[in-house]
Structure formats: C-alpha cells, structure tokens
PDB file of all heavy atoms in Angstrom:
ATOM      1  N   THR A   1      -5.955   7.186  -5.572  1.00  0.00           N
ATOM      2  CA  THR A   1      -4.503   7.245  -5.728  1.00  0.00           C
ATOM      3  C   THR A   1      -3.843   5.946  -5.265  1.00  0.00           C
ATOM      4  O   THR A   1      -2.947   5.424  -5.938  1.00  0.00           O
ATOM      5  CB  THR A   1      -3.926   8.444  -4.944  1.00  0.00           C
ATOM      6  OG1 THR A   1      -4.511   9.642  -5.447  1.00  0.00           O
ATOM      7  CG2 THR A   1      -2.415   8.516  -5.072  1.00  0.00           C
ATOM      8  N   LEU A   2      -4.306   5.409  -4.143  1.00  0.00           N
ATOM      9  CA  LEU A   2      -3.737   4.140  -3.656  1.00  0.00           C
ATOM     10  C   LEU A   2      -3.994   3.009  -4.644  1.00  0.00           C
ATOM     11  O   LEU A   2      -3.109   2.173  -4.883  1.00  0.00           O
ATOM     12  CB  LEU A   2      -4.323   3.799  -2.283  1.00  0.00           C
ATOM     13  CG  LEU A   2      -3.816   4.641  -1.121  1.00  0.00           C
ATOM     14  CD1 LEU A   2      -4.670   4.429   0.113  1.00  0.00           C
ATOM     15  CD2 LEU A   2      -2.352   4.343  -0.849  1.00  0.00           C
ATOM     16  N   ARG A   3      -5.177   2.950  -5.238  1.00  0.00           N
ATOM     17  CA  ARG A   3      -5.460   1.913  -6.235  1.00  0.00           C
ATOM     18  C   ARG A   3      -4.549   2.057  -7.457  1.00  0.00           C
ATOM     19  O   ARG A   3      -4.045   1.077  -7.987  1.00  0.00           O
ATOM     20  CB  ARG A   3      -6.931   1.949  -6.647  1.00  0.00           C
ATOM     21  CG  ARG A   3      -7.845   1.339  -5.583  1.00  0.00           C
ATOM     22  CD  ARG A   3      -9.261   1.151  -6.106  1.00  0.00           C
ATOM     23  NE  ARG A   3      -9.918   2.403  -6.468  1.00  0.00           N
ATOM     24  CZ  ARG A   3     -10.565   3.196  -5.624  1.00  0.00           C
ATOM     25  NH1 ARG A   3     -10.643   2.890  -4.355  1.00  0.00           N
ATOM     26  NH2 ARG A   3     -11.131   4.301  -6.052  1.00  0.00           N
ATOM     27  N   GLN A   4      -4.307   3.311  -7.873  1.00  0.00           N
ATOM     28  CA  GLN A   4      -3.407   3.549  -9.013  1.00  0.00           C
ATOM     29  C   GLN A   4      -1.975   3.136  -8.650  1.00  0.00           C
ATOM     30  O   GLN A   4      -1.277   2.539  -9.456  1.00  0.00           O
ATOM     31  CB  GLN A   4      -3.453   5.014  -9.447  1.00  0.00           C
ATOM     32  CG  GLN A   4      -2.595   5.323 -10.657  1.00  0.00           C
ATOM     33  CD  GLN A   4      -3.032   4.550 -11.888  1.00  0.00           C
ATOM     34  OE1 GLN A   4      -4.213   4.394 -12.141  1.00  0.00           O
ATOM     35  NE2 GLN A   4      -2.078   4.071 -12.651  1.00  0.00           N
ATOM     36  N   MET A   5      -1.561   3.465  -7.432  1.00  0.00           N
ATOM     37  CA  MET A   5      -0.222   3.068  -6.979  1.00  0.00           C
ATOM     38  C   MET A   5      -0.090   1.542  -6.962  1.00  0.00           C
ATOM     39  O   MET A   5       0.958   0.999  -7.324  1.00  0.00           O
ATOM     40  CB  MET A   5       0.063   3.642  -5.597  1.00  0.00           C
ATOM     41  CG  MET A   5       0.282   5.128  -5.574  1.00  0.00           C
ATOM     42  SD  MET A   5       0.432   5.776  -3.881  1.00  0.00           S
ATOM     43  CE  MET A   5       1.907   4.924  -3.307  1.00  0.00           C
ATOM     44  N   GLU A   6      -1.145   0.861  -6.563  1.00  0.00           N
ATOM     45  CA  GLU A   6      -1.118  -0.600  -6.530  1.00  0.00           C
ATOM     46  C   GLU A   6      -0.978  -1.150  -7.953  1.00  0.00           C
ATOM     47  O   GLU A   6      -0.196  -2.075  -8.190  1.00  0.00           O
ATOM     48  CB  GLU A   6      -2.381  -1.133  -5.862  1.00  0.00           C
ATOM     49  CG  GLU A   6      -2.353  -2.627  -5.631  1.00  0.00           C
ATOM     50  CD  GLU A   6      -3.550  -3.112  -4.838  1.00  0.00           C
ATOM     51  OE1 GLU A   6      -4.578  -2.407  -4.773  1.00  0.00           O
ATOM     52  OE2 GLU A   6      -3.433  -4.225  -4.294  1.00  0.00           O
ATOM     53  N   LYS A   7      -1.693  -0.582  -8.911  1.00  0.00           N
ATOM     54  CA  LYS A   7      -1.570  -1.007 -10.313  1.00  0.00           C
ATOM     55  C   LYS A   7      -0.151  -0.821 -10.825  1.00  0.00           C
ATOM     56  O   LYS A   7       0.319  -1.591 -11.643  1.00  0.00           O
ATOM     57  CB  LYS A   7      -2.543  -0.198 -11.192  1.00  0.00           C
ATOM     58  CG  LYS A   7      -3.973  -0.597 -11.046  1.00  0.00           C
ATOM     59  CD  LYS A   7      -4.838   0.254 -11.957  1.00  0.00           C
ATOM     60  CE  LYS A   7      -6.310   0.006 -11.703  1.00  0.00           C
ATOM     61  NZ  LYS A   7      -7.154   0.880 -12.524  1.00  0.00           N
ATOM     62  N   GLU A   8       0.515   0.234 -10.353  1.00  0.00           N
ATOM     63  CA  GLU A   8       1.872   0.543 -10.796  1.00  0.00           C
ATOM     64  C   GLU A   8       2.938  -0.229 -10.012  1.00  0.00           C
ATOM     65  O   GLU A   8       4.130  -0.069 -10.258  1.00  0.00           O
ATOM     66  CB  GLU A   8       2.119   2.045 -10.692  1.00  0.00           C
ATOM     67  CG  GLU A   8       1.251   2.855 -11.644  1.00  0.00           C
ATOM     68  CD  GLU A   8       1.372   4.347 -11.439  1.00  0.00           C
ATOM     69  OE1 GLU A   8       2.228   4.805 -10.638  1.00  0.00           O
ATOM     70  OE2 GLU A   8       0.592   5.084 -12.082  1.00  0.00           O
ATOM     71  N   GLY A   9       2.510  -1.015  -9.034  1.00  0.00           N
ATOM     72  CA  GLY A   9       3.441  -1.813  -8.257  1.00  0.00           C
ATOM     73  C   GLY A   9       4.151  -1.053  -7.148  1.00  0.00           C
ATOM     74  O   GLY A   9       5.150  -1.513  -6.613  1.00  0.00           O
ATOM     75  N   LEU A  10       3.622   0.113  -6.767  1.00  0.00           N
ATOM     76  CA  LEU A  10       4.250   0.922  -5.744  1.00  0.00           C
ATOM     77  C   LEU A  10       3.768   0.591  -4.343  1.00  0.00           C
ATOM     78  O   LEU A  10       4.426   0.919  -3.361  1.00  0.00           O
ATOM     79  CB  LEU A  10       4.015   2.413  -6.021  1.00  0.00           C
ATOM     80  CG  LEU A  10       4.573   2.918  -7.363  1.00  0.00           C
ATOM     81  CD1 LEU A  10       4.157   4.375  -7.586  1.00  0.00           C
ATOM     82  CD2 LEU A  10       6.065   2.748  -7.433  1.00  0.00           C
ATOM     83  N   CYS A  11       2.593  -0.042  -4.250  1.00  0.00           N
ATOM     84  CA  CYS A  11       2.097  -0.480  -2.953  1.00  0.00           C
ATOM     85  C   CYS A  11       1.334  -1.780  -3.126  1.00  0.00           C
ATOM     86  O   CYS A  11       1.027  -2.194  -4.232  1.00  0.00           O
ATOM     87  CB  CYS A  11       1.222   0.584  -2.281  1.00  0.00           C
ATOM     88  SG  CYS A  11      -0.386   0.855  -3.028  1.00  0.00           S
ATOM     89  N   LYS A  12       1.046  -2.420  -2.009  1.00  0.00           N
ATOM     90  CA  LYS A  12       0.261  -3.652  -2.010  1.00  0.00           C
ATOM     91  C   LYS A  12      -0.761  -3.562  -0.890  1.00  0.00           C
ATOM     92  O   LYS A  12      -0.620  -2.732   0.015  1.00  0.00           O
ATOM     93  CB  LYS A  12       1.154  -4.877  -1.836  1.00  0.00           C
ATOM     94  CG  LYS A  12       1.944  -4.886  -0.541  1.00  0.00           C
ATOM     95  CD  LYS A  12       2.868  -6.076  -0.495  1.00  0.00           C
ATOM     96  CE  LYS A  12       3.684  -5.988   0.808  1.00  0.00           C
ATOM     97  NZ  LYS A  12       4.626  -7.059   0.930  1.00  0.00           N
ATOM     98  N   THR A  13      -1.786  -4.390  -0.983  1.00  0.00           N
ATOM     99  CA  THR A  13      -2.817  -4.359   0.043  1.00  0.00           C
ATOM    100  C   THR A  13      -2.989  -5.735   0.664  1.00  0.00           C
ATOM    101  O   THR A  13      -2.717  -6.757   0.029  1.00  0.00           O
ATOM    102  CB  THR A  13      -4.178  -3.925  -0.537  1.00  0.00           C
ATOM    103  OG1 THR A  13      -4.570  -4.860  -1.548  1.00  0.00           O
ATOM    104  CG2 THR A  13      -4.118  -2.542  -1.118  1.00  0.00           C
ATOM    105  N   GLU A  14      -3.427  -5.714   1.896  1.00  0.00           N
ATOM    106  CA  GLU A  14      -3.792  -6.928   2.618  1.00  0.00           C
ATOM    107  C   GLU A  14      -5.032  -6.597   3.442  1.00  0.00           C
ATOM    108  O   GLU A  14      -5.223  -5.454   3.853  1.00  0.00           O
ATOM    109  CB  GLU A  14      -2.667  -7.365   3.545  1.00  0.00           C
ATOM    110  CG  GLU A  14      -1.404  -7.806   2.843  1.00  0.00           C
ATOM    111  CD  GLU A  14      -0.288  -8.195   3.804  1.00  0.00           C
ATOM    112  OE1 GLU A  14      -0.572  -8.319   5.023  1.00  0.00           O
ATOM    113  OE2 GLU A  14       0.838  -8.365   3.349  1.00  0.00           O
ATOM    114  N   TRP A  15      -5.842  -7.605   3.682  1.00  0.00           N
ATOM    115  CA  TRP A  15      -7.009  -7.413   4.526  1.00  0.00           C
ATOM    116  C   TRP A  15      -6.637  -7.755   5.950  1.00  0.00           C
ATOM    117  O   TRP A  15      -6.092  -8.815   6.222  1.00  0.00           O
ATOM    118  CB  TRP A  15      -8.173  -8.269   4.048  1.00  0.00           C
ATOM    119  CG  TRP A  15      -8.761  -7.736   2.786  1.00  0.00           C
ATOM    120  CD1 TRP A  15      -8.491  -8.164   1.513  1.00  0.00           C
ATOM    121  CD2 TRP A  15      -9.680  -6.674   2.654  1.00  0.00           C
ATOM    122  NE1 TRP A  15      -9.192  -7.423   0.602  1.00  0.00           N
ATOM    123  CE2 TRP A  15      -9.949  -6.494   1.277  1.00  0.00           C
ATOM    124  CE3 TRP A  15     -10.322  -5.831   3.570  1.00  0.00           C
ATOM    125  CZ2 TRP A  15     -10.807  -5.536   0.804  1.00  0.00           C
ATOM    126  CZ3 TRP A  15     -11.192  -4.869   3.094  1.00  0.00           C
ATOM    127  CH2 TRP A  15     -11.435  -4.717   1.717  1.00  0.00           C
ATOM    128  N   GLU A  16      -6.906  -6.842   6.859  1.00  0.00           N
ATOM    129  CA  GLU A  16      -6.619  -7.054   8.280  1.00  0.00           C
ATOM    130  C   GLU A  16      -7.935  -7.242   9.018  1.00  0.00           C
ATOM    131  O   GLU A  16      -8.765  -6.339   9.034  1.00  0.00           O
ATOM    132  CB  GLU A  16      -5.872  -5.846   8.842  1.00  0.00           C
ATOM    133  CG  GLU A  16      -5.536  -5.962  10.303  1.00  0.00           C
ATOM    134  CD  GLU A  16      -4.792  -4.738  10.800  1.00  0.00           C
ATOM    135  OE1 GLU A  16      -3.589  -4.627  10.539  1.00  0.00           O
ATOM    136  OE2 GLU A  16      -5.445  -3.882  11.441  1.00  0.00           O
ATOM    137  N   PRO A  17      -8.114  -8.421   9.633  1.00  0.00           N
ATOM    138  CA  PRO A  17      -9.372  -8.630  10.366  1.00  0.00           C
ATOM    139  C   PRO A  17      -9.468  -7.751  11.598  1.00  0.00           C
ATOM    140  O   PRO A  17      -8.457  -7.465  12.249  1.00  0.00           O
ATOM    141  CB  PRO A  17      -9.308 -10.112  10.746  1.00  0.00           C
ATOM    142  CG  PRO A  17      -7.901 -10.531  10.561  1.00  0.00           C
ATOM    143  CD  PRO A  17      -7.222  -9.547   9.673  1.00  0.00           C
ATOM    144  N   LEU A  18     -10.670  -7.296  11.880  1.00  0.00           N
ATOM    145  CA  LEU A  18     -10.933  -6.490  13.071  1.00  0.00           C
ATOM    146  C   LEU A  18     -11.911  -7.244  13.960  1.00  0.00           C
ATOM    147  O   LEU A  18     -12.584  -8.181  13.517  1.00  0.00           O
ATOM    148  CB  LEU A  18     -11.539  -5.145  12.672  1.00  0.00           C
ATOM    149  CG  LEU A  18     -10.666  -4.214  11.832  1.00  0.00           C
ATOM    150  CD1 LEU A  18     -11.478  -2.993  11.428  1.00  0.00           C
ATOM    151  CD2 LEU A  18      -9.433  -3.786  12.620  1.00  0.00           C
ATOM    152  N   GLU A  19     -11.973  -6.813  15.185  1.00  0.00           N
ATOM    153  CA  GLU A  19     -12.967  -7.403  16.101  1.00  0.00           C
ATOM    154  C   GLU A  19     -14.354  -7.168  15.545  1.00  0.00           C
ATOM    155  O   GLU A  19     -14.635  -6.127  14.973  1.00  0.00           O
ATOM    156  CB  GLU A  19     -12.824  -6.770  17.489  1.00  0.00           C
ATOM    157  CG  GLU A  19     -11.544  -7.128  18.203  1.00  0.00           C
ATOM    158  CD  GLU A  19     -11.480  -6.504  19.588  1.00  0.00           C
ATOM    159  OE1 GLU A  19     -12.532  -6.340  20.222  1.00  0.00           O
ATOM    160  OE2 GLU A  19     -10.356  -6.194  20.008  1.00  0.00           O
ATOM    161  N   GLY A  20     -15.211  -8.132  15.712  1.00  0.00           N
ATOM    162  CA  GLY A  20     -16.572  -7.997  15.212  1.00  0.00           C
ATOM    163  C   GLY A  20     -16.764  -8.617  13.843  1.00  0.00           C
ATOM    164  O   GLY A  20     -17.818  -8.471  13.233  1.00  0.00           O
ATOM    165  N   GLY A  21     -15.710  -9.239  13.299  1.00  0.00           N
ATOM    166  CA  GLY A  21     -15.844  -9.947  12.034  1.00  0.00           C
ATOM    167  C   GLY A  21     -15.611  -9.122  10.788  1.00  0.00           C
ATOM    168  O   GLY A  21     -15.610  -9.655   9.696  1.00  0.00           O
ATOM    169  N   THR A  22     -15.446  -7.827  10.929  1.00  0.00           N
ATOM    170  CA  THR A  22     -15.180  -7.000   9.752  1.00  0.00           C
ATOM    171  C   THR A  22     -13.667  -6.997   9.482  1.00  0.00           C
ATOM    172  O   THR A  22     -12.880  -7.457  10.288  1.00  0.00           O
ATOM    173  CB  THR A  22     -15.667  -5.559   9.951  1.00  0.00           C
ATOM    174  OG1 THR A  22     -14.990  -5.002  11.073  1.00  0.00           O
ATOM    175  CG2 THR A  22     -17.161  -5.518  10.166  1.00  0.00           C
ATOM    176  N   ALA A  23     -13.292  -6.484   8.353  1.00  0.00           N
ATOM    177  CA  ALA A  23     -11.885  -6.376   8.007  1.00  0.00           C
ATOM    178  C   ALA A  23     -11.647  -5.024   7.358  1.00  0.00           C
ATOM    179  O   ALA A  23     -12.561  -4.392   6.818  1.00  0.00           O
ATOM    180  CB  ALA A  23     -11.477  -7.492   7.050  1.00  0.00           C
ATOM    181  N   ARG A  24     -10.420  -4.574   7.427  1.00  0.00           N
ATOM    182  CA  ARG A  24     -10.067  -3.321   6.760  1.00  0.00           C
ATOM    183  C   ARG A  24      -8.871  -3.579   5.857  1.00  0.00           C
ATOM    184  O   ARG A  24      -8.041  -4.428   6.132  1.00  0.00           O
ATOM    185  CB  ARG A  24      -9.794  -2.203   7.746  1.00  0.00           C
ATOM    186  CG  ARG A  24      -8.557  -2.396   8.576  1.00  0.00           C
ATOM    187  CD  ARG A  24      -8.332  -1.211   9.475  1.00  0.00           C
ATOM    188  NE  ARG A  24      -7.213  -1.477  10.369  1.00  0.00           N
ATOM    189  CZ  ARG A  24      -6.783  -0.659  11.281  1.00  0.00           C
ATOM    190  NH1 ARG A  24      -7.401   0.495  11.457  1.00  0.00           N
ATOM    191  NH2 ARG A  24      -5.768  -0.973  12.038  1.00  0.00           N
ATOM    192  N   ARG A  25      -8.839  -2.839   4.793  1.00  0.00           N
ATOM    193  CA  ARG A  25      -7.757  -2.964   3.825  1.00  0.00           C
ATOM    194  C   ARG A  25      -6.575  -2.146   4.309  1.00  0.00           C
ATOM    195  O   ARG A  25      -6.711  -0.965   4.606  1.00  0.00           O
ATOM    196  CB  ARG A  25      -8.240  -2.479   2.466  1.00  0.00           C
ATOM    197  CG  ARG A  25      -7.255  -2.663   1.367  1.00  0.00           C
ATOM    198  CD  ARG A  25      -7.850  -2.219   0.059  1.00  0.00           C
ATOM    199  NE  ARG A  25      -8.048  -3.424  -0.724  1.00  0.00           N
ATOM    200  CZ  ARG A  25      -8.620  -3.447  -1.895  1.00  0.00           C
ATOM    201  NH1 ARG A  25      -9.099  -2.354  -2.425  1.00  0.00           N
ATOM    202  NH2 ARG A  25      -8.726  -4.571  -2.551  1.00  0.00           N
ATOM    203  N   MET A  26      -5.408  -2.756   4.372  1.00  0.00           N
ATOM    204  CA  MET A  26      -4.188  -2.086   4.786  1.00  0.00           C
ATOM    205  C   MET A  26      -3.243  -1.985   3.600  1.00  0.00           C
ATOM    206  O   MET A  26      -3.030  -2.966   2.884  1.00  0.00           O
ATOM    207  CB  MET A  26      -3.521  -2.864   5.924  1.00  0.00           C
ATOM    208  CG  MET A  26      -4.375  -2.971   7.182  1.00  0.00           C
ATOM    209  SD  MET A  26      -4.737  -1.370   7.931  1.00  0.00           S
ATOM    210  CE  MET A  26      -3.117  -0.892   8.478  1.00  0.00           C
ATOM    211  N   TYR A  27      -2.681  -0.807   3.406  1.00  0.00           N
ATOM    212  CA  TYR A  27      -1.765  -0.570   2.301  1.00  0.00           C
ATOM    213  C   TYR A  27      -0.343  -0.483   2.837  1.00  0.00           C
ATOM    214  O   TYR A  27      -0.108   0.066   3.910  1.00  0.00           O
ATOM    215  CB  TYR A  27      -2.103   0.755   1.610  1.00  0.00           C
ATOM    216  CG  TYR A  27      -3.421   0.724   0.877  1.00  0.00           C
ATOM    217  CD1 TYR A  27      -4.619   0.987   1.521  1.00  0.00           C
ATOM    218  CD2 TYR A  27      -3.452   0.428  -0.474  1.00  0.00           C
ATOM    219  CE1 TYR A  27      -5.826   0.958   0.849  1.00  0.00           C
ATOM    220  CE2 TYR A  27      -4.662   0.404  -1.159  1.00  0.00           C
ATOM    221  CZ  TYR A  27      -5.843   0.670  -0.492  1.00  0.00           C
ATOM    222  OH  TYR A  27      -7.023   0.637  -1.159  1.00  0.00           O
ATOM    223  N   SER A  28       0.602  -1.010   2.069  1.00  0.00           N
ATOM    224  CA  SER A  28       2.006  -0.875   2.431  1.00  0.00           C
ATOM    225  C   SER A  28       2.816  -0.713   1.144  1.00  0.00           C
ATOM    226  O   SER A  28       2.410  -1.172   0.068  1.00  0.00           O
ATOM    227  CB  SER A  28       2.496  -2.086   3.225  1.00  0.00           C
ATOM    228  OG  SER A  28       2.361  -3.274   2.464  1.00  0.00           O
ATOM    229  N   LEU A  29       3.949  -0.032   1.281  1.00  0.00           N
ATOM    230  CA  LEU A  29       4.804   0.205   0.124  1.00  0.00           C
ATOM    231  C   LEU A  29       5.552  -1.056  -0.259  1.00  0.00           C
ATOM    232  O   LEU A  29       5.974  -1.834   0.601  1.00  0.00           O
ATOM    233  CB  LEU A  29       5.828   1.303   0.431  1.00  0.00           C
ATOM    234  CG  LEU A  29       5.291   2.718   0.561  1.00  0.00           C
ATOM    235  CD1 LEU A  29       6.407   3.671   0.949  1.00  0.00           C
ATOM    236  CD2 LEU A  29       4.633   3.168  -0.725  1.00  0.00           C
ATOM    237  N   THR A  30       5.728  -1.247  -1.552  1.00  0.00           N
ATOM    238  CA  THR A  30       6.603  -2.303  -2.050  1.00  0.00           C
ATOM    239  C   THR A  30       8.029  -1.759  -2.066  1.00  0.00           C
ATOM    240  O   THR A  30       8.257  -0.557  -1.799  1.00  0.00           O
ATOM    241  CB  THR A  30       6.206  -2.711  -3.473  1.00  0.00           C
ATOM    242  OG1 THR A  30       6.333  -1.560  -4.328  1.00  0.00           O
ATOM    243  CG2 THR A  30       4.772  -3.238  -3.525  1.00  0.00           C
ATOM    244  N   ASP A  31       8.995  -2.603  -2.392  1.00  0.00           N
ATOM    245  CA  ASP A  31      10.380  -2.113  -2.512  1.00  0.00           C
ATOM    246  C   ASP A  31      10.470  -1.023  -3.583  1.00  0.00           C
ATOM    247  O   ASP A  31      11.139  -0.008  -3.391  1.00  0.00           O
ATOM    248  CB  ASP A  31      11.313  -3.264  -2.876  1.00  0.00           C
ATOM    249  CG  ASP A  31      11.503  -4.245  -1.735  1.00  0.00           C
ATOM    250  OD1 ASP A  31      11.184  -3.891  -0.570  1.00  0.00           O
ATOM    251  OD2 ASP A  31      11.963  -5.378  -1.991  1.00  0.00           O
ATOM    252  N   GLU A  32       9.758  -1.228  -4.703  1.00  0.00           N
ATOM    253  CA  GLU A  32       9.736  -0.204  -5.755  1.00  0.00           C
ATOM    254  C   GLU A  32       9.102   1.085  -5.241  1.00  0.00           C
ATOM    255  O   GLU A  32       9.548   2.193  -5.569  1.00  0.00           O
ATOM    256  CB  GLU A  32       8.971  -0.729  -6.965  1.00  0.00           C
ATOM    257  CG  GLU A  32       9.004   0.192  -8.154  1.00  0.00           C
ATOM    258  CD  GLU A  32       8.251  -0.377  -9.346  1.00  0.00           C
ATOM    259  OE1 GLU A  32       7.979  -1.589  -9.385  1.00  0.00           O
ATOM    260  OE2 GLU A  32       7.951   0.422 -10.257  1.00  0.00           O
ATOM    261  N   GLY A  33       8.074   0.960  -4.417  1.00  0.00           N
ATOM    262  CA  GLY A  33       7.430   2.132  -3.826  1.00  0.00           C
ATOM    263  C   GLY A  33       8.346   2.889  -2.894  1.00  0.00           C
ATOM    264  O   GLY A  33       8.344   4.120  -2.842  1.00  0.00           O
ATOM    265  N   GLU A  34       9.160   2.152  -2.128  1.00  0.00           N
ATOM    266  CA  GLU A  34      10.142   2.787  -1.234  1.00  0.00           C
ATOM    267  C   GLU A  34      11.153   3.597  -2.042  1.00  0.00           C
ATOM    268  O   GLU A  34      11.503   4.719  -1.674  1.00  0.00           O
ATOM    269  CB  GLU A  34      10.855   1.743  -0.395  1.00  0.00           C
ATOM    270  CG  GLU A  34      10.012   1.113   0.686  1.00  0.00           C
ATOM    271  CD  GLU A  34       9.775   2.012   1.883  1.00  0.00           C
ATOM    272  OE1 GLU A  34      10.369   3.104   1.986  1.00  0.00           O
ATOM    273  OE2 GLU A  34       8.975   1.604   2.741  1.00  0.00           O
ATOM    274  N   VAL A  35      11.618   3.039  -3.149  1.00  0.00           N
ATOM    275  CA  VAL A  35      12.581   3.750  -4.009  1.00  0.00           C
ATOM    276  C   VAL A  35      11.929   5.003  -4.577  1.00  0.00           C
ATOM    277  O   VAL A  35      12.520   6.090  -4.582  1.00  0.00           O
ATOM    278  CB  VAL A  35      13.096   2.819  -5.137  1.00  0.00           C
ATOM    279  CG1 VAL A  35      13.891   3.608  -6.175  1.00  0.00           C
ATOM    280  CG2 VAL A  35      13.934   1.698  -4.555  1.00  0.00           C
ATOM    281  N   PHE A  36      10.688   4.859  -5.075  1.00  0.00           N
ATOM    282  CA  PHE A  36       9.963   6.003  -5.633  1.00  0.00           C
ATOM    283  C   PHE A  36       9.773   7.089  -4.584  1.00  0.00           C
ATOM    284  O   PHE A  36       9.982   8.272  -4.844  1.00  0.00           O
ATOM    285  CB  PHE A  36       8.615   5.556  -6.191  1.00  0.00           C
ATOM    286  CG  PHE A  36       7.850   6.646  -6.873  1.00  0.00           C
ATOM    287  CD1 PHE A  36       8.055   6.915  -8.209  1.00  0.00           C
ATOM    288  CD2 PHE A  36       6.932   7.410  -6.163  1.00  0.00           C
ATOM    289  CE1 PHE A  36       7.356   7.933  -8.841  1.00  0.00           C
ATOM    290  CE2 PHE A  36       6.227   8.425  -6.780  1.00  0.00           C
ATOM    291  CZ  PHE A  36       6.446   8.699  -8.118  1.00  0.00           C
ATOM    292  N   LEU A  37       9.371   6.688  -3.370  1.00  0.00           N
ATOM    293  CA  LEU A  37       9.169   7.650  -2.283  1.00  0.00           C
ATOM    294  C   LEU A  37      10.457   8.388  -1.959  1.00  0.00           C
ATOM    295  O   LEU A  37      10.452   9.616  -1.789  1.00  0.00           O
ATOM    296  CB  LEU A  37       8.623   6.948  -1.039  1.00  0.00           C
ATOM    297  CG  LEU A  37       8.410   7.822   0.197  1.00  0.00           C
ATOM    298  CD1 LEU A  37       7.415   8.941  -0.082  1.00  0.00           C
ATOM    299  CD2 LEU A  37       7.965   6.962   1.373  1.00  0.00           C
ATOM    300  N   GLY A  38      11.558   7.665  -1.885  1.00  0.00           N
ATOM    301  CA  GLY A  38      12.842   8.304  -1.600  1.00  0.00           C
ATOM    302  C   GLY A  38      13.210   9.351  -2.659  1.00  0.00           C
ATOM    303  O   GLY A  38      13.648  10.450  -2.330  1.00  0.00           O
ATOM    304  N   ALA A  39      12.973   9.007  -3.926  1.00  0.00           N
ATOM    305  CA  ALA A  39      13.264   9.951  -5.015  1.00  0.00           C
ATOM    306  C   ALA A  39      12.329  11.158  -4.945  1.00  0.00           C
ATOM    307  O   ALA A  39      12.742  12.302  -5.179  1.00  0.00           O
ATOM    308  CB  ALA A  39      13.130   9.258  -6.363  1.00  0.00           C
ATOM    309  N   TRP A  40      11.068  10.927  -4.598  1.00  0.00           N
ATOM    310  CA  TRP A  40      10.094  12.018  -4.508  1.00  0.00           C
ATOM    311  C   TRP A  40      10.453  12.962  -3.376  1.00  0.00           C
ATOM    312  O   TRP A  40      10.404  14.183  -3.516  1.00  0.00           O
ATOM    313  CB  TRP A  40       8.701  11.431  -4.325  1.00  0.00           C
ATOM    314  CG  TRP A  40       7.613  12.462  -4.336  1.00  0.00           C
ATOM    315  CD1 TRP A  40       7.141  13.151  -5.413  1.00  0.00           C
ATOM    316  CD2 TRP A  40       6.870  12.916  -3.208  1.00  0.00           C
ATOM    317  NE1 TRP A  40       6.137  14.009  -5.008  1.00  0.00           N
ATOM    318  CE2 TRP A  40       5.942  13.885  -3.665  1.00  0.00           C
ATOM    319  CE3 TRP A  40       6.889  12.591  -1.851  1.00  0.00           C
ATOM    320  CZ2 TRP A  40       5.072  14.524  -2.817  1.00  0.00           C
ATOM    321  CZ3 TRP A  40       6.008  13.230  -1.003  1.00  0.00           C
ATOM    322  CH2 TRP A  40       5.108  14.193  -1.499  1.00  0.00           C
ATOM    323  N   VAL A  41      10.835  12.412  -2.224  1.00  0.00           N
ATOM    324  CA  VAL A  41      11.221  13.247  -1.076  1.00  0.00           C
ATOM    325  C   VAL A  41      12.467  14.062  -1.425  1.00  0.00           C
ATOM    326  O   VAL A  41      12.553  15.258  -1.118  1.00  0.00           O
ATOM    327  CB  VAL A  41      11.450  12.384   0.183  1.00  0.00           C
ATOM    328  CG1 VAL A  41      12.129  13.184   1.278  1.00  0.00           C
ATOM    329  CG2 VAL A  41      10.130  11.825   0.679  1.00  0.00           C
ATOM    330  N   GLU A  42      13.415  13.432  -2.113  1.00  0.00           N
ATOM    331  CA  GLU A  42      14.626  14.160  -2.523  1.00  0.00           C
ATOM    332  C   GLU A  42      14.277  15.306  -3.462  1.00  0.00           C
ATOM    333  O   GLU A  42      14.797  16.413  -3.332  1.00  0.00           O
ATOM    334  CB  GLU A  42      15.571  13.183  -3.223  1.00  0.00           C
ATOM    335  CG  GLU A  42      16.943  13.753  -3.496  1.00  0.00           C
ATOM    336  CD  GLU A  42      17.880  12.705  -4.064  1.00  0.00           C
ATOM    337  OE1 GLU A  42      17.969  11.603  -3.491  1.00  0.00           O
ATOM    338  OE2 GLU A  42      18.512  13.002  -5.104  1.00  0.00           O
TER     339      GLU A  42
END
C-alpha cells in the first residue's frame, strides 16, 4: 500500500541511517497526501 501511495504522489520515502551501518526506509506524507488523508478522515 505504501509503494502504491508513493506512485500516486501521496507519500515519499527517505532512507534513515541506523547505528551499525544499516538503514531503514521512512515514509512521510506529501502535501497531496495530507489533503487526501483529511478528506478520508472526514
């Protein structure tokens, strides 16, 4: 679902480095995603 949301421009991802040299993918809403979320909650 997150990958589909990213394709639709509703979220974006960034890699966040962790201790030990690994990284994890972090998702955040785009402005368009915030608008969509507000409409969905309503």
